[in-house]
């Protein structure tokens, strides 16, 4: 199976940005546990903007609600392209990653809920549902040709479906209250964007301006502002031509570098600044940490492979070309790297509860490291055994 130029670019960026992300995570942890921690937190709490339009927010809010909307715009563009012309456009090709993603979301959520259904942490059930595209693809890319291209495409398609599921969960379950007037304006702007699309308008500029207004009113509606990025993405024009580059593909290409090497590292820098205090580790082994680690490290691989096995057994799908179940288990572990999306959901699940957020972040980091290392060595050892 030959990778398209877009997948080649995607994997190249993912490999480099994954390493870049790790560096920024380490920098953030070092700052948080040094004499600079207070100054750095003050910087994150610094308000930027204007009160005139109710846009005076802290640096951390601008990162999590503003810059991450651009991240979700890119995710939305990738989802739309895959649905129309990629691995998710053909139901036969899409069936396995769709079933695998469903299992990879449901089983981790069930494991988390089994630990936390009667605790104060029950609202975090969606934390272990997420897969971090950048980190998971970075690790599988490090394995080079030892992993068949079909498995790389399967993992990317699974992660994209997983992200779509996370977006739906955020929109439906992590909204406290709704300003219906602002939401109505969002609906009108969305209608305008659809009209622009249907009218054949292809200049990105004419979508970006309404998109900024969509973000503004979405932010004030009570629904998380990042959803505006996804809505905007689905209105960007595209085509199925292999020779002509569509506006969607042009925007996707322009966003990959800033998202991979600026936005995601800044998110990591702003949100993994965990101070390792004695109190956190004294109460670390609790339902919250067990639910997150159990969900990501065990639930992901279990859910992905169980649902994949059922889909193949019922002849609704088949294994990726040149792959076996041992490799599927390795990929299942890689999908347990939650990081960006998991941390993002934990911030929504436990707003203003810093200690709970810190325990969640540490649990996500531990689970992601365990999952990544385990998945890497399973795939690496499988390749070695094949060569022997």
Protein backbone atom coordinates (compact mmCIF):
# COMPACT_ATOMS: atom_id res chain seq x y z
CA UNK A 1 0.00 0.00 0.00
CA UNK A 2 1.41 3.38 -1.08
CA UNK A 3 1.03 6.36 1.21
CA UNK A 4 -0.46 9.48 -0.38
CA UNK A 5 1.60 12.67 -0.26
CA UNK A 6 -0.71 13.98 2.48
CA UNK A 7 -0.11 10.94 4.68
CA UNK A 8 3.64 11.19 4.02
CA UNK A 9 3.58 14.84 5.14
CA UNK A 10 1.36 13.90 8.09
CA UNK A 11 3.76 11.21 9.32
CA UNK A 12 6.81 13.39 8.75
CA UNK A 13 5.29 16.22 10.76
CA UNK A 14 4.02 13.82 13.44
CA UNK A 15 7.45 12.28 13.96
CA UNK A 16 9.18 15.63 14.36
CA UNK A 17 6.40 17.31 16.34
CA UNK A 18 6.16 14.33 18.69
CA UNK A 19 9.79 14.80 19.68
CA UNK A 20 9.21 18.57 19.92
CA UNK A 21 6.22 17.97 22.21
CA UNK A 22 8.25 15.75 24.51
CA UNK A 23 10.88 18.51 24.83
CA UNK A 24 8.22 21.09 25.79
CA UNK A 25 6.61 18.71 28.29
CA UNK A 26 10.00 18.30 29.98
CA UNK A 27 10.61 22.07 29.92
CA UNK A 28 7.20 22.69 31.49
CA UNK A 29 7.83 20.13 34.23
CA UNK A 30 11.28 21.59 34.94
CA UNK A 31 9.90 25.14 35.20
CA UNK A 32 7.06 24.01 37.48
CA UNK A 33 9.53 22.37 39.86
CA UNK A 34 12.05 25.20 39.92
CA UNK A 35 12.27 28.70 41.38
CA UNK A 36 10.62 29.98 38.18
CA UNK A 37 7.31 28.24 38.91
CA UNK A 38 5.68 31.26 40.56
CA UNK A 39 6.71 33.67 37.80
CA UNK A 40 5.55 31.24 35.12
CA UNK A 41 2.15 30.79 36.78
CA UNK A 42 1.79 34.56 37.04
CA UNK A 43 2.52 34.78 33.31
CA UNK A 44 -0.20 32.20 32.57
CA UNK A 45 -2.64 34.17 34.76
CA UNK A 46 -1.83 37.50 33.10
CA UNK A 47 -4.89 39.01 31.41
CA UNK A 48 -4.60 39.99 27.75
CA UNK A 49 -7.28 41.66 25.65
CA UNK A 50 -10.00 44.25 26.06
CA UNK A 51 -13.07 44.53 28.25
CA UNK A 52 -14.98 46.36 25.49
CA UNK A 53 -15.93 43.14 23.71
CA UNK A 54 -15.56 40.92 26.80
CA UNK A 55 -12.28 39.56 25.45
CA UNK A 56 -10.02 40.08 28.47
CA UNK A 57 -8.73 36.60 29.24
CA UNK A 58 -5.67 35.07 30.86
CA UNK A 59 -2.83 33.68 28.74
CA UNK A 60 -3.86 30.12 29.66
CA UNK A 61 -7.44 30.74 28.47
CA UNK A 62 -6.17 32.16 25.17
CA UNK A 63 -4.06 29.02 24.73
CA UNK A 64 -6.78 26.52 25.71
CA UNK A 65 -9.76 28.24 24.10
CA UNK A 66 -8.15 30.31 21.35
CA UNK A 67 -5.12 28.50 19.98
CA UNK A 68 -6.70 25.08 20.52
CA UNK A 69 -9.59 26.17 18.29
CA UNK A 70 -7.01 26.27 15.48
CA UNK A 71 -5.87 22.77 16.50
CA UNK A 72 -9.48 21.60 16.25
CA UNK A 73 -9.80 23.37 12.89
CA UNK A 74 -6.95 21.23 11.59
CA UNK A 75 -8.48 18.09 13.10
CA UNK A 76 -11.81 18.97 11.47
CA UNK A 77 -10.12 19.47 8.09
CA UNK A 78 -8.44 16.06 8.38
CA UNK A 79 -11.71 14.39 9.35
CA UNK A 80 -13.56 15.98 6.43
CA UNK A 81 -10.85 15.02 3.92
CA UNK A 82 -10.75 11.44 5.16
CA UNK A 83 -14.55 11.18 5.04
CA UNK A 84 -14.68 12.45 1.45
CA UNK A 85 -11.57 11.05 -0.20
CA UNK A 86 -9.44 9.12 2.26
CA UNK A 87 -9.52 5.99 4.39
CA UNK A 88 -12.97 6.81 5.80
CA UNK A 89 -14.61 7.44 2.41
CA UNK A 90 -15.06 3.74 1.63
CA UNK A 91 -17.21 1.91 4.18
CA UNK A 92 -15.18 -1.28 3.68
CA UNK A 93 -11.94 0.54 4.47
CA UNK A 94 -13.51 2.64 7.21
CA UNK A 95 -15.34 -0.12 9.05
CA UNK A 96 -12.33 -1.49 10.97
CA UNK A 97 -10.97 1.86 12.28
CA UNK A 98 -14.54 2.96 13.11
CA UNK A 99 -15.27 -0.21 15.13
CA UNK A 100 -11.80 -0.08 16.70
CA UNK A 101 -12.27 3.57 17.69
CA UNK A 102 -15.69 2.84 19.21
CA UNK A 103 -14.20 0.06 21.32
CA UNK A 104 -11.26 2.30 22.19
CA UNK A 105 -13.65 4.94 23.52
CA UNK A 106 -16.29 2.79 25.23
CA UNK A 107 -14.11 0.32 27.17
CA UNK A 108 -11.80 3.00 28.70
CA UNK A 109 -14.86 5.05 29.71
CA UNK A 110 -16.43 1.96 31.32
CA UNK A 111 -13.20 1.14 33.19
CA UNK A 112 -12.92 4.73 34.44
CA UNK A 113 -16.60 4.81 35.46
CA UNK A 114 -16.29 1.49 37.31
CA UNK A 115 -13.68 3.11 39.58
CA UNK A 116 -15.38 6.50 39.90
CA UNK A 117 -19.17 6.14 39.54
CA UNK A 118 -19.77 7.02 43.19
CA UNK A 119 -16.92 9.51 43.69
CA UNK A 120 -16.38 13.23 43.11
CA UNK A 121 -14.34 12.32 40.03
CA UNK A 122 -17.15 10.77 37.98
CA UNK A 123 -17.30 13.75 35.61
CA UNK A 124 -13.92 12.76 34.19
CA UNK A 125 -15.21 9.59 32.46
CA UNK A 126 -14.18 10.90 29.01
CA UNK A 127 -10.52 11.52 29.95
CA UNK A 128 -9.21 8.06 28.92
CA UNK A 129 -11.28 7.97 25.71
CA UNK A 130 -8.85 10.13 23.71
CA UNK A 131 -5.88 9.25 21.49
CA UNK A 132 -3.12 11.78 20.84
CA UNK A 133 -2.53 11.75 17.08
CA UNK A 134 0.86 13.48 17.20
CA UNK A 135 2.46 11.24 19.84
CA UNK A 136 0.98 7.93 18.63
CA UNK A 137 1.97 8.54 15.01
CA UNK A 138 5.38 9.88 16.08
CA UNK A 139 6.18 6.58 17.80
CA UNK A 140 4.91 4.37 14.98
CA UNK A 141 6.90 6.54 12.54
CA UNK A 142 10.08 5.88 14.55
CA UNK A 143 9.68 2.18 13.68
CA UNK A 144 10.07 3.02 9.99
CA UNK A 145 9.56 0.22 7.49
CA UNK A 146 9.29 -2.41 10.22
CA UNK A 147 5.58 -1.52 10.42
CA UNK A 148 3.47 -1.93 7.26
CA UNK A 149 1.94 1.22 5.81
CA UNK A 150 -1.52 -0.30 6.22
CA UNK A 151 -1.08 -0.25 10.03
CA UNK A 152 0.07 3.38 9.98
CA UNK A 153 -3.01 4.34 7.98
CA UNK A 154 -5.21 2.26 10.30
CA UNK A 155 -3.82 4.05 13.37
CA UNK A 156 -4.25 7.50 11.80
CA UNK A 157 -7.83 6.71 10.71
CA UNK A 158 -8.61 5.31 14.19
CA UNK A 159 -7.17 8.43 15.84
CA UNK A 160 -9.22 10.69 13.55
CA UNK A 161 -12.47 8.84 14.38
CA UNK A 162 -11.42 8.98 18.04
CA UNK A 163 -10.99 12.76 17.79
CA UNK A 164 -14.42 13.08 16.19
CA UNK A 165 -15.86 11.15 19.14
CA UNK A 166 -14.01 13.43 21.59
CA UNK A 167 -15.40 16.51 19.83
CA UNK A 168 -18.96 15.18 20.11
CA UNK A 169 -18.43 14.31 23.79
CA UNK A 170 -17.06 17.80 24.56
CA UNK A 171 -20.01 19.45 22.80
CA UNK A 172 -22.68 17.27 24.46
CA UNK A 173 -21.37 16.59 27.96
CA UNK A 174 -19.00 19.39 28.94
CA UNK A 175 -21.30 22.36 28.53
CA UNK A 176 -22.61 23.83 31.81
CA UNK A 177 -25.11 26.41 30.59
CA UNK A 178 -26.14 27.79 27.20
CA UNK A 179 -26.70 31.38 26.08
CA UNK A 180 -29.33 30.72 23.43
CA UNK A 181 -28.96 34.13 21.77
CA UNK A 182 -25.24 33.61 21.20
CA UNK A 183 -25.91 30.06 20.05
CA UNK A 184 -28.54 31.34 17.62
CA UNK A 185 -25.99 33.77 16.17
CA UNK A 186 -23.59 30.82 15.81
CA UNK A 187 -26.29 29.03 13.81
CA UNK A 188 -26.70 32.05 11.52
CA UNK A 189 -22.94 32.31 10.95
CA UNK A 190 -22.77 28.58 10.20
CA UNK A 191 -25.60 29.01 7.67
CA UNK A 192 -23.63 31.85 6.04
CA UNK A 193 -20.54 29.63 5.81
CA UNK A 194 -22.58 26.85 4.19
CA UNK A 195 -24.03 29.36 1.68
CA UNK A 196 -20.50 30.52 0.81
CA UNK A 197 -19.51 26.89 0.23
CA UNK A 198 -22.55 26.11 -1.92
CA UNK A 199 -22.07 29.35 -3.89
CA UNK A 200 -18.62 28.23 -5.00
CA UNK A 201 -16.61 30.73 -2.96
CA UNK A 202 -13.09 29.28 -2.71
CA UNK A 203 -10.98 32.07 -1.17
CA UNK A 204 -10.14 31.09 2.40
CA UNK A 205 -10.26 34.72 3.53
CA UNK A 206 -14.06 34.81 3.15
CA UNK A 207 -14.35 31.86 5.57
CA UNK A 208 -11.83 33.02 8.16
CA UNK A 209 -13.64 36.29 9.03
CA UNK A 210 -17.01 34.56 9.76
CA UNK A 211 -14.97 31.82 11.48
CA UNK A 212 -13.53 34.33 13.96
CA UNK A 213 -17.03 35.63 14.71
CA UNK A 214 -18.20 32.04 15.09
CA UNK A 215 -15.44 31.46 17.67
CA UNK A 216 -16.42 34.64 19.55
CA UNK A 217 -20.12 33.81 19.84
CA UNK A 218 -19.44 30.10 20.49
CA UNK A 219 -17.19 31.13 23.37
CA UNK A 220 -19.98 33.27 24.82
CA UNK A 221 -22.68 30.65 24.20
CA UNK A 222 -21.37 28.28 26.87
CA UNK A 223 -20.37 25.55 24.39
CA UNK A 224 -16.61 25.18 24.29
CA UNK A 225 -15.13 27.59 21.76
CA UNK A 226 -12.93 24.95 20.12
CA UNK A 227 -16.05 23.41 18.54
CA UNK A 228 -16.11 26.51 16.29
CA UNK A 229 -12.90 25.25 14.68
CA UNK A 230 -14.55 21.97 13.72
CA UNK A 231 -17.69 23.65 12.35
CA UNK A 232 -15.56 26.02 10.26
CA UNK A 233 -13.50 23.10 8.94
CA UNK A 234 -16.57 21.27 7.67
CA UNK A 235 -17.62 24.31 5.61
CA UNK A 236 -14.25 24.78 3.85
CA UNK A 237 -14.61 23.74 0.16
CA UNK A 238 -12.83 20.63 -1.10
CA UNK A 239 -12.81 18.34 -4.12
CA UNK A 240 -11.85 14.77 -4.97
CA UNK A 241 -9.42 15.72 -7.74
CA UNK A 242 -5.93 14.25 -7.52
CA UNK A 243 -4.43 17.03 -9.65
CA UNK A 244 -6.11 20.18 -8.34
CA UNK A 245 -5.39 21.21 -4.75
CA UNK A 246 -8.61 22.22 -2.98
CA UNK A 247 -8.98 25.14 -0.52
CA UNK A 248 -9.31 22.56 2.26
CA UNK A 249 -6.00 20.92 1.34
CA UNK A 250 -4.28 24.31 1.02
CA UNK A 251 -5.45 25.36 4.48
CA UNK A 252 -4.52 21.97 5.92
CA UNK A 253 -1.00 22.29 4.53
CA UNK A 254 -0.64 25.83 5.94
CA UNK A 255 -1.84 24.78 9.40
CA UNK A 256 0.26 21.64 9.91
CA UNK A 257 3.51 23.42 10.79
CA UNK A 258 2.09 26.09 13.16
CA UNK A 259 -0.19 23.56 14.88
CA UNK A 260 2.52 20.91 15.22
CA UNK A 261 5.40 23.18 16.19
CA UNK A 262 3.75 26.16 17.90
CA UNK A 263 0.21 25.51 19.15
CA UNK A 264 0.59 21.99 20.55
CA UNK A 265 3.96 22.74 22.22
CA UNK A 266 2.46 25.90 23.78
CA UNK A 267 -0.51 23.83 25.02
CA UNK A 268 1.94 21.32 26.54
CA UNK A 269 4.00 24.13 28.08
CA UNK A 270 0.91 25.78 29.62
CA UNK A 271 -0.79 22.60 30.84
CA UNK A 272 1.88 20.16 32.03
CA UNK A 273 3.45 22.58 34.51
CA UNK A 274 2.79 20.18 37.38
CA UNK A 275 4.54 20.84 40.68
CA UNK A 276 5.41 17.49 42.22
CA UNK A 277 4.26 18.11 45.76
CA UNK A 278 4.34 15.50 48.50
CA UNK A 279 0.58 15.84 49.06
CA UNK A 280 -0.22 14.82 45.48
CA UNK A 281 1.75 11.57 45.67
CA UNK A 282 0.47 10.69 49.14
CA UNK A 283 -3.05 10.46 47.76
CA UNK A 284 -2.09 9.49 44.22
CA UNK A 285 -3.35 5.91 44.30
CA UNK A 286 -7.06 6.66 44.21
CA UNK A 287 -10.05 5.96 41.94
CA UNK A 288 -9.18 8.94 39.71
CA UNK A 289 -5.63 7.83 38.88
CA UNK A 290 -6.62 4.16 38.64
CA UNK A 291 -9.48 5.01 36.30
CA UNK A 292 -7.29 7.11 33.98
CA UNK A 293 -4.29 4.75 33.92
CA UNK A 294 -6.50 1.67 33.70
CA UNK A 295 -8.61 3.25 30.97
CA UNK A 296 -5.71 4.40 28.78
CA UNK A 297 -3.19 1.62 29.37
CA UNK A 298 -5.57 -1.37 29.52
CA UNK A 299 -8.92 -0.12 28.23
CA UNK A 300 -7.61 1.23 24.92
CA UNK A 301 -5.83 -1.91 23.75
CA UNK A 302 -8.64 -4.12 25.07
CA UNK A 303 -11.44 -2.11 23.47
CA UNK A 304 -9.70 -1.64 20.11
CA UNK A 305 -8.81 -5.30 19.72
CA UNK A 306 -12.09 -6.67 21.10
CA UNK A 307 -14.22 -4.58 18.75
CA UNK A 308 -11.83 -5.25 15.84
CA UNK A 309 -12.04 -9.01 16.51
CA UNK A 310 -15.85 -8.89 16.55
CA UNK A 311 -15.97 -6.85 13.33
CA UNK A 312 -13.62 -9.29 11.56
CA UNK A 313 -15.38 -12.36 12.99
CA UNK A 314 -18.71 -11.04 11.68
CA UNK A 315 -16.99 -10.36 8.32
CA UNK A 316 -17.75 -6.64 8.51
CA UNK A 317 -14.04 -5.84 8.20
CA UNK A 318 -10.64 -7.44 7.73
CA UNK A 319 -7.19 -6.95 9.23
CA UNK A 320 -4.95 -4.29 7.65
CA UNK A 321 -2.78 -5.73 4.87
CA UNK A 322 0.45 -7.49 5.91
CA UNK A 323 -0.48 -7.33 9.60
CA UNK A 324 -1.39 -9.80 12.36
CA UNK A 325 -3.06 -9.65 15.77
CA UNK A 326 0.24 -9.14 17.59
CA UNK A 327 0.77 -5.95 15.63
CA UNK A 328 -2.82 -4.90 16.29
CA UNK A 329 -2.10 -5.25 20.02
CA UNK A 330 0.95 -3.02 19.61
CA UNK A 331 -1.12 -0.41 17.79
CA UNK A 332 -3.79 -0.70 20.50
CA UNK A 333 -1.21 0.26 23.11
CA UNK A 334 -0.02 3.22 21.01
CA UNK A 335 -3.62 4.45 20.91
CA UNK A 336 -3.44 4.57 24.71
CA UNK A 337 -1.27 7.68 24.45
CA UNK A 338 -3.92 10.21 25.47
CA UNK A 339 -1.90 13.31 26.30
CA UNK A 340 -3.20 16.43 24.43
CA UNK A 341 -6.87 15.47 24.17
CA UNK A 342 -6.96 13.73 27.56
CA UNK A 343 -5.43 16.73 29.33
CA UNK A 344 -7.83 19.01 27.46
CA UNK A 345 -10.84 16.96 28.63
CA UNK A 346 -9.53 16.88 32.22
CA UNK A 347 -9.43 20.71 32.23
CA UNK A 348 -13.09 20.74 31.15
CA UNK A 349 -14.12 17.99 33.58
CA UNK A 350 -12.52 19.62 36.65
CA UNK A 351 -12.51 23.41 36.09
CA UNK A 352 -10.76 25.42 38.84
CA UNK A 353 -9.82 22.23 40.75
CA UNK A 354 -6.05 22.47 40.43
CA UNK A 355 -5.11 19.51 42.63
CA UNK A 356 -7.49 17.16 40.79
CA UNK A 357 -6.22 18.50 37.46
CA UNK A 358 -2.63 17.82 38.54
CA UNK A 359 -3.42 14.23 39.58
CA UNK A 360 -5.21 13.76 36.24
CA UNK A 361 -2.25 15.14 34.30
CA UNK A 362 0.27 12.96 36.14
CA UNK A 363 -1.96 9.91 35.55
CA UNK A 364 -2.26 10.78 31.85
CA UNK A 365 1.53 11.18 31.57
CA UNK A 366 2.17 7.84 33.31
CA UNK A 367 -0.44 6.01 31.22
CA UNK A 368 0.81 7.61 27.99
CA UNK A 369 4.44 6.67 28.71
CA UNK A 370 3.48 3.09 29.64
CA UNK A 371 1.29 2.76 26.54
CA UNK A 372 3.86 4.28 24.19
CA UNK A 373 6.80 2.21 25.46
CA UNK A 374 4.77 -1.03 25.50
CA UNK A 375 3.36 -0.47 22.02
CA UNK A 376 6.78 0.44 20.61
CA UNK A 377 8.51 -2.66 21.96
CA UNK A 378 5.71 -5.03 20.91
CA UNK A 379 5.95 -3.75 17.33
CA UNK A 380 9.78 -3.64 17.47
CA UNK A 381 10.10 -7.18 18.84
CA UNK A 382 7.54 -8.47 16.35
CA UNK A 383 9.65 -7.10 13.49
CA UNK A 384 12.78 -8.66 15.01
CA UNK A 385 11.10 -12.09 15.31
CA UNK A 386 10.01 -11.85 11.67
CA UNK A 387 13.59 -11.13 10.58
CA UNK A 388 14.93 -14.04 12.63
